[in-house]
Amino acid sequence: MGLMPLFKFMYRHETTAAQNAPATQIVGFEDNPSELFLQEMQKTVPNMQDLPFYRQGIECFCPKFVLFEEQWIGTVLTPWMISVLVLPGPGQTWEARELGDKLNIQLPYKALTFTVSGLEQIPQYLSCSLQSPLDPGLSNQQAKQLTQDCLRMVLSINAEQPKLNQNRRNLFQAMLK
């Protein structure tokens, strides 16, 4: 099942807030939106600087997004958080949602709960905070590396295998079934 059909299912599933959602649709980004997203996050920095969880010395950073099942998947680092993001991909159209709605999305590594969010130039996107506030021990370089590693991780297949009974008889019986 592609990600877009999964999104449509979840949109139907979340009906209470959707009844108040605007009647518009969100058009996908033809080009990689990482630079645009970074610019939008940098605009929010002045509004966040006085908050107690703001980390001086941490720069906004957004590695290139990756197309996954026709949607843009990316990560972002700000002086207050690291998040995974989903934006509509080329040729995609999302139904407009109420900001704050929650959606569960199965990514290769695991299912994550995303929040419908919006910025001035990006009317709607999905965000999932991975670390907020940031670990006070992280340097700017470590935080950037972690942001890149998180993107690779959420798009990687979970290597954890179910535990099998190591008894040979059980193993051979399972193979014969």
N, C-alpha and C. Protein backbone atom coordinates (compact mmCIF):
# COMPACT_ATOMS: atom_id res chain seq x y z
N MET A 1 0.85 -1.16 0.00
CA MET A 1 0.00 0.00 0.00
C MET A 1 0.90 1.23 0.00
N GLY A 2 0.70 2.16 -0.92
CA GLY A 2 1.48 3.39 -0.97
C GLY A 2 1.13 4.31 0.18
N LEU A 3 1.97 5.29 0.40
CA LEU A 3 1.75 6.22 1.49
C LEU A 3 0.51 7.07 1.25
N MET A 4 0.27 7.48 0.00
CA MET A 4 -0.89 8.32 -0.26
C MET A 4 -2.19 7.61 0.10
N PRO A 5 -2.41 6.34 -0.31
CA PRO A 5 -3.63 5.68 0.14
C PRO A 5 -3.69 5.59 1.67
N LEU A 6 -2.56 5.43 2.31
CA LEU A 6 -2.52 5.40 3.76
C LEU A 6 -2.98 6.73 4.32
N PHE A 7 -2.53 7.85 3.72
CA PHE A 7 -2.96 9.17 4.16
C PHE A 7 -4.47 9.31 3.99
N LYS A 8 -5.00 8.88 2.85
CA LYS A 8 -6.43 9.01 2.62
C LYS A 8 -7.21 8.23 3.66
N PHE A 9 -6.73 7.05 4.02
CA PHE A 9 -7.40 6.26 5.05
C PHE A 9 -7.40 7.03 6.37
N MET A 10 -6.26 7.59 6.72
CA MET A 10 -6.17 8.28 8.00
C MET A 10 -7.00 9.55 8.00
N TYR A 11 -7.10 10.22 6.87
CA TYR A 11 -7.95 11.40 6.80
C TYR A 11 -9.40 11.03 7.08
N ARG A 12 -9.86 9.92 6.49
CA ARG A 12 -11.23 9.47 6.74
C ARG A 12 -11.41 9.10 8.20
N HIS A 13 -10.37 8.49 8.78
CA HIS A 13 -10.45 8.00 10.14
C HIS A 13 -10.58 9.12 11.17
N GLU A 14 -9.96 10.27 10.91
CA GLU A 14 -9.95 11.40 11.84
C GLU A 14 -11.06 12.37 11.44
N THR A 15 -12.30 12.08 11.74
CA THR A 15 -13.40 12.90 11.23
C THR A 15 -13.80 14.06 12.13
N THR A 16 -13.59 13.99 13.42
CA THR A 16 -14.12 15.04 14.29
C THR A 16 -13.51 16.40 13.99
N ALA A 17 -12.20 16.52 13.95
CA ALA A 17 -11.56 17.80 13.67
C ALA A 17 -11.69 18.17 12.20
N ALA A 18 -11.77 17.18 11.33
CA ALA A 18 -11.83 17.45 9.90
C ALA A 18 -13.11 18.18 9.51
N GLN A 19 -14.16 18.05 10.30
CA GLN A 19 -15.40 18.73 9.97
C GLN A 19 -15.23 20.25 9.98
N ASN A 20 -14.26 20.76 10.73
CA ASN A 20 -14.01 22.19 10.79
C ASN A 20 -12.85 22.62 9.90
N ALA A 21 -12.25 21.69 9.16
CA ALA A 21 -11.09 22.00 8.32
C ALA A 21 -11.52 22.85 7.13
N PRO A 22 -10.63 23.71 6.64
CA PRO A 22 -10.94 24.50 5.46
C PRO A 22 -11.23 23.59 4.27
N ALA A 23 -11.99 24.09 3.31
CA ALA A 23 -12.39 23.29 2.15
C ALA A 23 -11.33 23.34 1.05
N THR A 24 -10.09 23.63 1.39
CA THR A 24 -9.04 23.70 0.38
C THR A 24 -8.24 22.41 0.37
N GLN A 25 -7.41 22.31 -0.64
CA GLN A 25 -6.51 21.16 -0.74
C GLN A 25 -5.07 21.65 -0.73
N ILE A 26 -4.18 20.79 -0.27
CA ILE A 26 -2.77 21.10 -0.18
C ILE A 26 -2.07 20.45 -1.37
N VAL A 27 -1.45 21.25 -2.21
CA VAL A 27 -0.80 20.76 -3.42
C VAL A 27 0.65 20.39 -3.10
N GLY A 28 1.10 19.29 -3.66
CA GLY A 28 2.45 18.78 -3.41
C GLY A 28 3.55 19.65 -3.97
N PHE A 29 4.74 19.44 -3.45
CA PHE A 29 5.93 20.17 -3.89
C PHE A 29 6.60 19.39 -5.02
N GLU A 30 6.79 20.04 -6.15
CA GLU A 30 7.45 19.40 -7.28
C GLU A 30 8.95 19.25 -7.02
N ASP A 31 9.54 20.25 -6.36
CA ASP A 31 10.97 20.23 -6.06
C ASP A 31 11.18 19.96 -4.58
N ASN A 32 12.37 19.50 -4.24
CA ASN A 32 12.72 19.20 -2.86
C ASN A 32 12.47 20.43 -1.98
N PRO A 33 11.62 20.32 -0.96
CA PRO A 33 11.25 21.47 -0.15
C PRO A 33 12.18 21.76 1.03
N SER A 34 13.33 21.12 1.11
CA SER A 34 14.19 21.27 2.29
C SER A 34 14.66 22.71 2.49
N GLU A 35 15.06 23.40 1.43
CA GLU A 35 15.51 24.79 1.56
C GLU A 35 14.37 25.71 2.01
N LEU A 36 13.21 25.54 1.41
CA LEU A 36 12.05 26.35 1.79
C LEU A 36 11.69 26.10 3.25
N PHE A 37 11.71 24.84 3.67
CA PHE A 37 11.38 24.52 5.05
C PHE A 37 12.40 25.14 6.00
N LEU A 38 13.67 25.06 5.65
CA LEU A 38 14.72 25.66 6.48
C LEU A 38 14.51 27.17 6.62
N GLN A 39 14.21 27.84 5.53
CA GLN A 39 13.95 29.29 5.58
C GLN A 39 12.78 29.61 6.50
N GLU A 40 11.73 28.82 6.42
CA GLU A 40 10.55 29.05 7.27
C GLU A 40 10.89 28.85 8.75
N MET A 41 11.68 27.84 9.06
CA MET A 41 12.07 27.60 10.45
C MET A 41 12.97 28.72 10.96
N GLN A 42 13.86 29.21 10.12
CA GLN A 42 14.73 30.31 10.53
C GLN A 42 13.93 31.57 10.86
N LYS A 43 12.79 31.76 10.20
CA LYS A 43 11.92 32.90 10.50
C LYS A 43 11.32 32.80 11.91
N THR A 44 11.17 31.58 12.42
CA THR A 44 10.55 31.41 13.75
C THR A 44 11.55 31.60 14.89
N VAL A 45 12.85 31.58 14.59
CA VAL A 45 13.88 31.67 15.63
C VAL A 45 13.69 32.89 16.54
N PRO A 46 13.49 34.10 16.01
CA PRO A 46 13.34 35.26 16.90
C PRO A 46 12.19 35.11 17.91
N ASN A 47 11.15 34.40 17.55
CA ASN A 47 10.01 34.21 18.45
C ASN A 47 10.29 33.19 19.55
N MET A 48 11.34 32.40 19.38
CA MET A 48 11.62 31.32 20.31
C MET A 48 12.79 31.61 21.26
N GLN A 49 13.60 32.61 20.95
CA GLN A 49 14.85 32.84 21.66
C GLN A 49 14.70 33.07 23.17
N ASP A 50 13.58 33.57 23.62
CA ASP A 50 13.40 33.85 25.05
C ASP A 50 12.85 32.66 25.84
N LEU A 51 12.55 31.56 25.16
CA LEU A 51 11.99 30.40 25.84
C LEU A 51 13.09 29.62 26.55
N PRO A 52 12.77 29.01 27.70
CA PRO A 52 13.80 28.35 28.50
C PRO A 52 14.46 27.14 27.82
N PHE A 53 13.80 26.52 26.86
CA PHE A 53 14.36 25.34 26.20
C PHE A 53 15.12 25.69 24.92
N TYR A 54 15.25 26.97 24.59
CA TYR A 54 16.00 27.42 23.42
C TYR A 54 17.49 27.21 23.68
N ARG A 55 18.20 26.60 22.74
CA ARG A 55 19.63 26.31 22.89
C ARG A 55 20.47 27.26 22.04
N GLN A 56 21.16 28.19 22.70
CA GLN A 56 22.11 29.05 21.99
C GLN A 56 23.18 28.16 21.37
N GLY A 57 23.67 28.53 20.21
CA GLY A 57 24.74 27.77 19.57
C GLY A 57 24.27 26.64 18.68
N ILE A 58 22.98 26.35 18.67
CA ILE A 58 22.43 25.33 17.76
C ILE A 58 21.79 26.07 16.58
N GLU A 59 22.21 25.72 15.39
CA GLU A 59 21.69 26.36 14.17
C GLU A 59 20.55 25.54 13.58
N CYS A 60 19.65 26.22 12.88
CA CYS A 60 18.64 25.49 12.11
C CYS A 60 19.35 24.74 10.99
N PHE A 61 18.90 23.51 10.77
CA PHE A 61 19.52 22.64 9.78
C PHE A 61 18.45 21.70 9.24
N CYS A 62 18.46 21.52 7.93
CA CYS A 62 17.48 20.64 7.29
C CYS A 62 18.16 19.91 6.14
N PRO A 63 18.53 18.62 6.34
CA PRO A 63 19.12 17.88 5.22
C PRO A 63 18.12 17.75 4.08
N LYS A 64 18.61 17.42 2.90
CA LYS A 64 17.72 17.24 1.74
C LYS A 64 16.65 16.20 2.08
N PHE A 65 15.41 16.51 1.73
CA PHE A 65 14.31 15.58 1.91
C PHE A 65 14.47 14.43 0.92
N VAL A 66 13.79 13.33 1.20
CA VAL A 66 13.84 12.13 0.37
C VAL A 66 12.41 11.83 -0.08
N LEU A 67 12.25 11.47 -1.36
CA LEU A 67 10.93 11.03 -1.82
C LEU A 67 10.73 9.59 -1.36
N PHE A 68 9.66 9.37 -0.63
CA PHE A 68 9.32 8.03 -0.15
C PHE A 68 7.83 7.84 -0.39
N GLU A 69 7.49 6.86 -1.22
CA GLU A 69 6.10 6.57 -1.58
C GLU A 69 5.36 7.84 -1.98
N GLU A 70 6.02 8.63 -2.83
CA GLU A 70 5.46 9.83 -3.45
C GLU A 70 5.28 11.01 -2.50
N GLN A 71 5.85 10.94 -1.31
CA GLN A 71 5.78 12.04 -0.34
C GLN A 71 7.22 12.45 0.00
N TRP A 72 7.41 13.71 0.38
CA TRP A 72 8.71 14.17 0.84
C TRP A 72 8.85 13.86 2.33
N ILE A 73 9.90 13.14 2.69
CA ILE A 73 10.20 12.82 4.09
C ILE A 73 11.52 13.52 4.43
N GLY A 74 11.55 14.20 5.57
CA GLY A 74 12.77 14.89 5.96
C GLY A 74 12.87 15.03 7.47
N THR A 75 13.96 15.64 7.89
CA THR A 75 14.16 15.96 9.30
C THR A 75 14.59 17.42 9.39
N VAL A 76 14.37 18.00 10.55
CA VAL A 76 14.78 19.39 10.77
C VAL A 76 15.34 19.51 12.18
N LEU A 77 16.39 20.33 12.30
CA LEU A 77 16.98 20.69 13.57
C LEU A 77 16.75 22.18 13.78
N THR A 78 16.28 22.54 14.95
CA THR A 78 16.16 23.93 15.36
C THR A 78 16.82 24.05 16.74
N PRO A 79 17.01 25.24 17.26
CA PRO A 79 17.59 25.37 18.60
C PRO A 79 16.70 24.83 19.72
N TRP A 80 15.54 24.27 19.38
CA TRP A 80 14.65 23.74 20.41
C TRP A 80 14.18 22.32 20.15
N MET A 81 14.48 21.74 18.96
CA MET A 81 13.97 20.39 18.68
C MET A 81 14.61 19.76 17.46
N ILE A 82 14.39 18.44 17.34
CA ILE A 82 14.64 17.67 16.12
C ILE A 82 13.33 16.98 15.79
N SER A 83 12.89 17.11 14.54
CA SER A 83 11.62 16.50 14.13
C SER A 83 11.75 15.80 12.78
N VAL A 84 10.87 14.81 12.58
CA VAL A 84 10.68 14.17 11.28
C VAL A 84 9.50 14.88 10.63
N LEU A 85 9.56 15.07 9.32
CA LEU A 85 8.54 15.81 8.58
C LEU A 85 8.05 15.02 7.39
N VAL A 86 6.79 15.22 7.04
CA VAL A 86 6.23 14.67 5.80
C VAL A 86 5.52 15.81 5.10
N LEU A 87 5.86 16.02 3.84
CA LEU A 87 5.21 17.02 2.99
C LEU A 87 4.72 16.33 1.74
N PRO A 88 3.66 16.84 1.12
CA PRO A 88 3.16 16.20 -0.09
C PRO A 88 4.18 16.27 -1.22
N GLY A 89 4.30 15.19 -1.96
CA GLY A 89 5.28 15.10 -3.03
C GLY A 89 4.75 15.59 -4.36
N PRO A 90 5.57 15.46 -5.40
CA PRO A 90 5.18 15.90 -6.75
C PRO A 90 3.89 15.23 -7.21
N GLY A 91 2.97 16.05 -7.70
CA GLY A 91 1.71 15.53 -8.21
C GLY A 91 0.72 15.09 -7.14
N GLN A 92 1.04 15.28 -5.88
CA GLN A 92 0.16 14.85 -4.79
C GLN A 92 -0.76 15.99 -4.36
N THR A 93 -1.94 15.64 -3.89
CA THR A 93 -2.86 16.61 -3.31
C THR A 93 -3.40 16.02 -2.02
N TRP A 94 -3.22 16.74 -0.94
CA TRP A 94 -3.74 16.32 0.36
C TRP A 94 -5.00 17.11 0.67
N GLU A 95 -5.92 16.47 1.33
CA GLU A 95 -7.08 17.19 1.86
C GLU A 95 -6.58 18.09 2.99
N ALA A 96 -7.10 19.32 3.06
CA ALA A 96 -6.71 20.21 4.15
C ALA A 96 -7.20 19.63 5.46
N ARG A 97 -6.39 19.76 6.49
CA ARG A 97 -6.72 19.22 7.81
C ARG A 97 -6.70 20.34 8.83
N GLU A 98 -7.28 20.08 9.95
CA GLU A 98 -7.23 21.01 11.08
C GLU A 98 -5.84 20.95 11.69
N LEU A 99 -5.20 22.11 11.87
CA LEU A 99 -3.90 22.13 12.52
C LEU A 99 -4.02 21.49 13.90
N GLY A 100 -3.07 20.65 14.24
CA GLY A 100 -3.09 19.96 15.53
C GLY A 100 -3.63 18.54 15.45
N ASP A 101 -4.30 18.18 14.34
CA ASP A 101 -4.78 16.80 14.20
C ASP A 101 -3.59 15.84 14.30
N LYS A 102 -3.82 14.65 14.79
CA LYS A 102 -2.79 13.62 14.92
C LYS A 102 -3.05 12.51 13.90
N LEU A 103 -1.96 12.03 13.27
CA LEU A 103 -2.04 10.96 12.29
C LEU A 103 -0.94 9.95 12.58
N ASN A 104 -1.26 8.67 12.56
CA ASN A 104 -0.26 7.63 12.71
C ASN A 104 0.17 7.17 11.33
N ILE A 105 1.49 7.15 11.11
CA ILE A 105 2.02 6.74 9.81
C ILE A 105 3.07 5.67 10.04
N GLN A 106 2.94 4.59 9.29
CA GLN A 106 3.92 3.51 9.35
C GLN A 106 5.04 3.82 8.38
N LEU A 107 6.21 4.09 8.92
CA LEU A 107 7.42 4.26 8.12
C LEU A 107 8.19 2.96 8.19
N PRO A 108 9.20 2.77 7.35
CA PRO A 108 9.91 1.48 7.37
C PRO A 108 10.42 1.09 8.76
N TYR A 109 10.96 2.04 9.52
CA TYR A 109 11.52 1.68 10.82
C TYR A 109 10.43 1.37 11.85
N LYS A 110 9.41 2.22 11.94
CA LYS A 110 8.32 2.01 12.89
C LYS A 110 7.22 3.01 12.63
N ALA A 111 6.08 2.82 13.26
CA ALA A 111 4.97 3.77 13.15
C ALA A 111 5.26 4.97 14.05
N LEU A 112 4.97 6.15 13.52
CA LEU A 112 5.15 7.39 14.28
C LEU A 112 3.86 8.18 14.26
N THR A 113 3.63 8.95 15.32
CA THR A 113 2.46 9.83 15.38
C THR A 113 2.89 11.23 14.96
N PHE A 114 2.24 11.74 13.93
CA PHE A 114 2.54 13.05 13.38
C PHE A 114 1.42 14.03 13.72
N THR A 115 1.79 15.29 13.80
CA THR A 115 0.83 16.38 14.05
C THR A 115 0.74 17.22 12.79
N VAL A 116 -0.49 17.57 12.40
CA VAL A 116 -0.68 18.47 11.26
C VAL A 116 -0.22 19.86 11.71
N SER A 117 0.72 20.42 10.98
CA SER A 117 1.32 21.71 11.32
C SER A 117 1.30 22.60 10.08
N GLY A 118 1.64 23.87 10.26
CA GLY A 118 1.68 24.79 9.13
C GLY A 118 2.62 25.95 9.37
N LEU A 119 3.16 26.48 8.29
CA LEU A 119 4.02 27.66 8.31
C LEU A 119 3.52 28.60 7.21
N GLU A 120 4.05 29.79 7.19
CA GLU A 120 3.58 30.80 6.24
C GLU A 120 3.63 30.30 4.79
N GLN A 121 4.77 29.76 4.35
CA GLN A 121 4.92 29.31 2.97
C GLN A 121 4.60 27.83 2.77
N ILE A 122 4.31 27.14 3.86
CA ILE A 122 3.98 25.71 3.79
C ILE A 122 2.70 25.52 4.59
N PRO A 123 1.56 25.64 3.93
CA PRO A 123 0.29 25.68 4.66
C PRO A 123 0.02 24.47 5.55
N GLN A 124 0.44 23.29 5.10
CA GLN A 124 0.29 22.11 5.94
C GLN A 124 1.39 21.11 5.66
N TYR A 125 1.86 20.52 6.74
CA TYR A 125 2.83 19.44 6.69
C TYR A 125 2.63 18.62 7.94
N LEU A 126 3.24 17.46 8.00
CA LEU A 126 3.14 16.60 9.17
C LEU A 126 4.48 16.61 9.90
N SER A 127 4.43 16.75 11.22
CA SER A 127 5.66 16.78 12.01
C SER A 127 5.56 15.82 13.19
N CYS A 128 6.69 15.21 13.50
CA CYS A 128 6.80 14.31 14.64
C CYS A 128 8.07 14.66 15.38
N SER A 129 7.94 15.18 16.60
CA SER A 129 9.11 15.56 17.38
C SER A 129 9.86 14.31 17.84
N LEU A 130 11.15 14.29 17.59
CA LEU A 130 12.00 13.19 18.05
C LEU A 130 12.75 13.56 19.32
N GLN A 131 13.05 14.85 19.46
CA GLN A 131 13.74 15.30 20.67
C GLN A 131 13.38 16.76 20.91
N SER A 132 12.69 17.02 22.00
CA SER A 132 12.34 18.37 22.39
C SER A 132 12.08 18.37 23.89
N PRO A 133 12.84 19.12 24.65
CA PRO A 133 13.93 19.97 24.22
C PRO A 133 15.16 19.15 23.85
N LEU A 134 16.10 19.83 23.21
CA LEU A 134 17.34 19.16 22.81
C LEU A 134 18.17 18.80 24.02
N ASP A 135 18.91 17.71 23.91
CA ASP A 135 19.83 17.30 24.96
C ASP A 135 20.85 18.42 25.17
N PRO A 136 21.00 18.91 26.40
CA PRO A 136 21.93 20.03 26.64
C PRO A 136 23.38 19.69 26.35
N GLY A 137 23.73 18.42 26.27
CA GLY A 137 25.11 18.03 25.99
C GLY A 137 25.46 18.01 24.51
N LEU A 138 24.47 18.19 23.62
CA LEU A 138 24.73 18.13 22.18
C LEU A 138 25.40 19.41 21.69
N SER A 139 26.49 19.24 20.94
CA SER A 139 27.09 20.38 20.25
C SER A 139 26.29 20.60 18.96
N ASN A 140 26.54 21.73 18.31
CA ASN A 140 25.87 22.00 17.04
C ASN A 140 26.19 20.92 16.02
N GLN A 141 27.44 20.52 15.92
CA GLN A 141 27.84 19.49 14.95
C GLN A 141 27.19 18.14 15.28
N GLN A 142 27.15 17.77 16.55
CA GLN A 142 26.52 16.51 16.95
C GLN A 142 25.02 16.54 16.64
N ALA A 143 24.38 17.68 16.89
CA ALA A 143 22.95 17.81 16.62
C ALA A 143 22.67 17.68 15.12
N LYS A 144 23.51 18.27 14.28
CA LYS A 144 23.35 18.14 12.83
C LYS A 144 23.51 16.68 12.40
N GLN A 145 24.52 16.02 12.94
CA GLN A 145 24.74 14.62 12.59
C GLN A 145 23.56 13.76 13.04
N LEU A 146 23.05 14.01 14.23
CA LEU A 146 21.89 13.28 14.74
C LEU A 146 20.68 13.49 13.84
N THR A 147 20.50 14.71 13.35
CA THR A 147 19.38 15.02 12.46
C THR A 147 19.48 14.21 11.17
N GLN A 148 20.69 14.13 10.61
CA GLN A 148 20.89 13.31 9.40
C GLN A 148 20.69 11.83 9.70
N ASP A 149 21.19 11.36 10.83
CA ASP A 149 21.04 9.96 11.21
C ASP A 149 19.58 9.59 11.42
N CYS A 150 18.81 10.51 11.99
CA CYS A 150 17.38 10.25 12.22
C CYS A 150 16.64 10.04 10.91
N LEU A 151 16.98 10.84 9.89
CA LEU A 151 16.34 10.65 8.59
C LEU A 151 16.66 9.28 8.03
N ARG A 152 17.92 8.88 8.10
CA ARG A 152 18.29 7.53 7.62
C ARG A 152 17.56 6.46 8.42
N MET A 153 17.46 6.67 9.73
CA MET A 153 16.85 5.66 10.59
C MET A 153 15.37 5.45 10.28
N VAL A 154 14.59 6.53 10.15
CA VAL A 154 13.16 6.34 9.93
C VAL A 154 12.85 5.72 8.58
N LEU A 155 13.80 5.82 7.63
CA LEU A 155 13.60 5.22 6.32
C LEU A 155 14.26 3.85 6.19
N SER A 156 14.86 3.37 7.27
CA SER A 156 15.51 2.06 7.28
C SER A 156 14.56 1.00 7.82
N ILE A 157 14.71 -0.19 7.31
CA ILE A 157 13.89 -1.29 7.80
C ILE A 157 14.37 -1.67 9.19
N ASN A 158 13.45 -1.87 10.09
CA ASN A 158 13.77 -2.26 11.46
C ASN A 158 14.44 -3.64 11.42
N ALA A 159 15.66 -3.71 11.92
CA ALA A 159 16.43 -4.96 11.86
C ALA A 159 16.09 -5.92 12.99
N GLU A 160 15.27 -5.50 13.93
CA GLU A 160 14.92 -6.38 15.05
C GLU A 160 14.06 -7.52 14.53
N GLN A 161 14.51 -8.74 14.78
CA GLN A 161 13.81 -9.93 14.31
C GLN A 161 13.06 -10.56 15.47
N PRO A 162 11.93 -11.21 15.18
CA PRO A 162 11.22 -11.92 16.25
C PRO A 162 12.11 -13.01 16.82
N LYS A 163 11.98 -13.25 18.10
CA LYS A 163 12.79 -14.27 18.76
C LYS A 163 12.24 -15.65 18.39
N LEU A 164 13.15 -16.51 17.93
CA LEU A 164 12.77 -17.87 17.56
C LEU A 164 13.29 -18.83 18.60
N ASN A 165 12.56 -19.92 18.78
CA ASN A 165 13.03 -21.00 19.63
C ASN A 165 14.20 -21.67 18.90
N GLN A 166 15.35 -21.72 19.52
CA GLN A 166 16.55 -22.23 18.86
C GLN A 166 16.60 -23.75 18.80
N ASN A 167 15.60 -24.42 19.34
CA ASN A 167 15.54 -25.87 19.29
C ASN A 167 15.46 -26.31 17.83
N ARG A 168 16.40 -27.17 17.39
CA ARG A 168 16.44 -27.60 15.99
C ARG A 168 15.15 -28.25 15.54
N ARG A 169 14.56 -29.04 16.39
CA ARG A 169 13.33 -29.73 16.01
C ARG A 169 12.26 -28.70 15.64
N ASN A 170 12.11 -27.67 16.46
CA ASN A 170 11.11 -26.64 16.17
C ASN A 170 11.46 -25.90 14.88
N LEU A 171 12.74 -25.66 14.63
CA LEU A 171 13.16 -24.95 13.44
C LEU A 171 12.79 -25.77 12.19
N PHE A 172 13.11 -27.09 12.20
CA PHE A 172 12.79 -27.93 11.06
C PHE A 172 11.28 -28.11 10.88
N GLN A 173 10.56 -28.18 11.96
CA GLN A 173 9.11 -28.30 11.86
C GLN A 173 8.50 -27.05 11.23
N ALA A 174 9.04 -25.90 11.60
CA ALA A 174 8.53 -24.65 11.03
C ALA A 174 8.81 -24.59 9.53
N MET A 175 9.95 -25.14 9.10
CA MET A 175 10.31 -25.11 7.67
C MET A 175 9.44 -26.07 6.88
N LEU A 176 8.97 -27.16 7.48
CA LEU A 176 8.16 -28.13 6.78
C LEU A 176 6.70 -27.68 6.64
N LYS A 177 6.27 -26.76 7.43
CA LYS A 177 4.87 -26.33 7.37
C LYS A 177 4.60 -25.47 6.18
